[in-house]
Amino acid sequence: MANFEDFLKLDIRVGTIISAKIFDKAKKPAYKLEIDFGSVIGIKRSSAQITNIYNVNDLIGKQILAVVNFPPKQIANFISEVLVLGTYSKNGVVLVIPEKQVSNGDRIG
């Protein structure tokens, strides 16, 4: 079982998607995202399996939550630097988003 100290190890931040492209080389349908986390963290990339619910045009400008302190992971020919958070629903992954507009880089916790 995880404890509160384990939760505090996660650095979950708000970012805005600035680019979304179809990730053709991924084994499962996915998008390549570029996400702006503000001046301290900067722009990071992520592979996200969110193609069932979202199209690339809907993602640009959307604020999301992501874990920014996991080690980078190579997926095909792409390095995913952050883990975008979402819920597994019956229709596909639904992004976890702030209810109101907030600053990029704001921390959850």
Protein backbone atom coordinates (compact mmCIF):
# COMPACT_ATOMS: atom_id res chain seq x y z
CA MET A 1 0.00 0.00 0.00
CA ALA A 2 1.24 3.49 -0.82
CA ASN A 3 1.51 6.08 1.91
CA PHE A 4 1.39 9.88 1.90
CA GLU A 5 5.18 10.15 1.61
CA ASP A 6 4.99 8.11 -1.62
CA PHE A 7 2.43 10.57 -3.03
CA LEU A 8 4.68 13.52 -2.16
CA LYS A 9 7.46 12.02 -4.32
CA LEU A 10 5.34 12.65 -7.43
CA ASP A 11 5.76 16.05 -9.05
CA ILE A 12 2.40 16.63 -10.74
CA ARG A 13 2.16 19.87 -12.70
CA VAL A 14 -0.23 21.77 -14.93
CA GLY A 15 0.78 22.25 -18.53
CA THR A 16 -0.77 23.49 -21.77
CA ILE A 17 -0.60 21.35 -24.91
CA ILE A 18 1.05 23.42 -27.64
CA SER A 19 1.47 20.69 -30.27
CA ALA A 20 -0.25 17.38 -31.00
CA LYS A 21 0.59 14.97 -33.81
CA ILE A 22 -0.39 11.42 -34.68
CA PHE A 23 2.30 8.99 -33.49
CA ASP A 24 2.45 6.57 -36.43
CA LYS A 25 5.27 4.42 -35.02
CA ALA A 26 3.61 3.66 -31.66
CA LYS A 27 2.42 0.06 -31.16
CA LYS A 28 -0.93 1.31 -29.83
CA PRO A 29 -2.70 4.40 -31.25
CA ALA A 30 -1.19 7.50 -29.64
CA TYR A 31 -0.35 11.16 -30.09
CA LYS A 32 2.99 12.93 -29.68
CA LEU A 33 2.38 15.95 -27.48
CA GLU A 34 4.48 19.01 -26.68
CA ILE A 35 3.39 20.55 -23.39
CA ASP A 36 4.36 23.93 -21.92
CA PHE A 37 4.91 23.68 -18.15
CA GLY A 38 6.03 27.29 -17.68
CA SER A 39 9.42 28.92 -17.28
CA VAL A 40 10.80 26.64 -14.53
CA ILE A 41 10.16 23.29 -16.25
CA GLY A 42 9.80 24.41 -19.85
CA ILE A 43 8.39 22.43 -22.77
CA LYS A 44 8.28 18.65 -22.42
CA ARG A 45 7.16 15.87 -24.75
CA SER A 46 4.82 12.98 -24.08
CA SER A 47 3.31 10.03 -25.90
CA ALA A 48 -0.36 9.76 -24.93
CA GLN A 49 -2.82 7.00 -25.81
CA ILE A 50 -5.84 9.29 -25.93
CA THR A 51 -6.92 8.82 -29.55
CA ASN A 52 -10.33 7.27 -28.78
CA ILE A 53 -11.72 10.45 -27.23
CA TYR A 54 -9.60 13.31 -28.61
CA ASN A 55 -8.43 14.47 -32.02
CA VAL A 56 -5.29 16.56 -32.45
CA ASN A 57 -7.20 19.79 -33.10
CA ASP A 58 -9.12 19.48 -29.82
CA LEU A 59 -5.91 19.15 -27.81
CA ILE A 60 -4.12 22.38 -28.76
CA GLY A 61 -4.47 24.90 -25.92
CA LYS A 62 -5.92 22.36 -23.46
CA GLN A 63 -4.48 22.40 -19.95
CA ILE A 64 -3.63 18.97 -18.54
CA LEU A 65 -1.99 17.40 -15.49
CA ALA A 66 1.18 15.34 -15.81
CA VAL A 67 3.84 13.68 -13.69
CA VAL A 68 7.04 15.53 -14.61
CA ASN A 69 9.62 13.68 -12.49
CA PHE A 70 9.50 10.15 -13.94
CA PRO A 71 12.56 9.10 -15.96
CA PRO A 72 12.22 9.59 -19.73
CA LYS A 73 10.86 6.56 -21.59
CA GLN A 74 11.66 5.64 -25.18
CA ILE A 75 8.60 4.66 -27.20
CA ALA A 76 9.59 3.62 -30.73
CA ASN A 77 11.70 6.54 -32.06
CA PHE A 78 10.32 9.06 -29.51
CA ILE A 79 11.40 10.00 -25.98
CA SER A 80 8.41 10.59 -23.69
CA GLU A 81 9.49 12.92 -20.87
CA VAL A 82 6.28 13.23 -18.83
CA LEU A 83 3.25 11.08 -18.02
CA VAL A 84 -0.02 12.77 -18.90
CA LEU A 85 -2.75 11.81 -16.42
CA GLY A 86 -6.12 10.44 -17.42
CA THR A 87 -8.86 8.10 -16.34
CA TYR A 88 -9.61 4.82 -18.08
CA SER A 89 -13.26 5.03 -19.12
CA LYS A 90 -15.29 2.61 -21.22
CA ASN A 91 -14.80 4.84 -24.30
CA GLY A 92 -11.08 5.49 -23.81
CA VAL A 93 -8.74 7.61 -21.71
CA VAL A 94 -10.19 10.93 -20.50
CA LEU A 95 -7.64 13.59 -19.56
CA VAL A 96 -7.48 14.95 -16.01
CA ILE A 97 -7.73 18.73 -16.39
CA PRO A 98 -7.99 21.75 -14.06
CA GLU A 99 -11.55 23.01 -13.61
CA LYS A 100 -10.42 26.59 -14.21
CA GLN A 101 -7.53 28.15 -16.13
CA VAL A 102 -4.39 28.19 -13.97
CA SER A 103 -0.71 28.97 -14.52
CA ASN A 104 1.49 26.50 -16.38
CA GLY A 105 3.79 24.82 -13.89
CA ASP A 106 1.36 25.00 -10.97
CA ARG A 107 1.96 22.01 -8.71
CA ILE A 108 -0.64 19.54 -7.48
CA GLY A 109 -0.41 18.27 -3.95
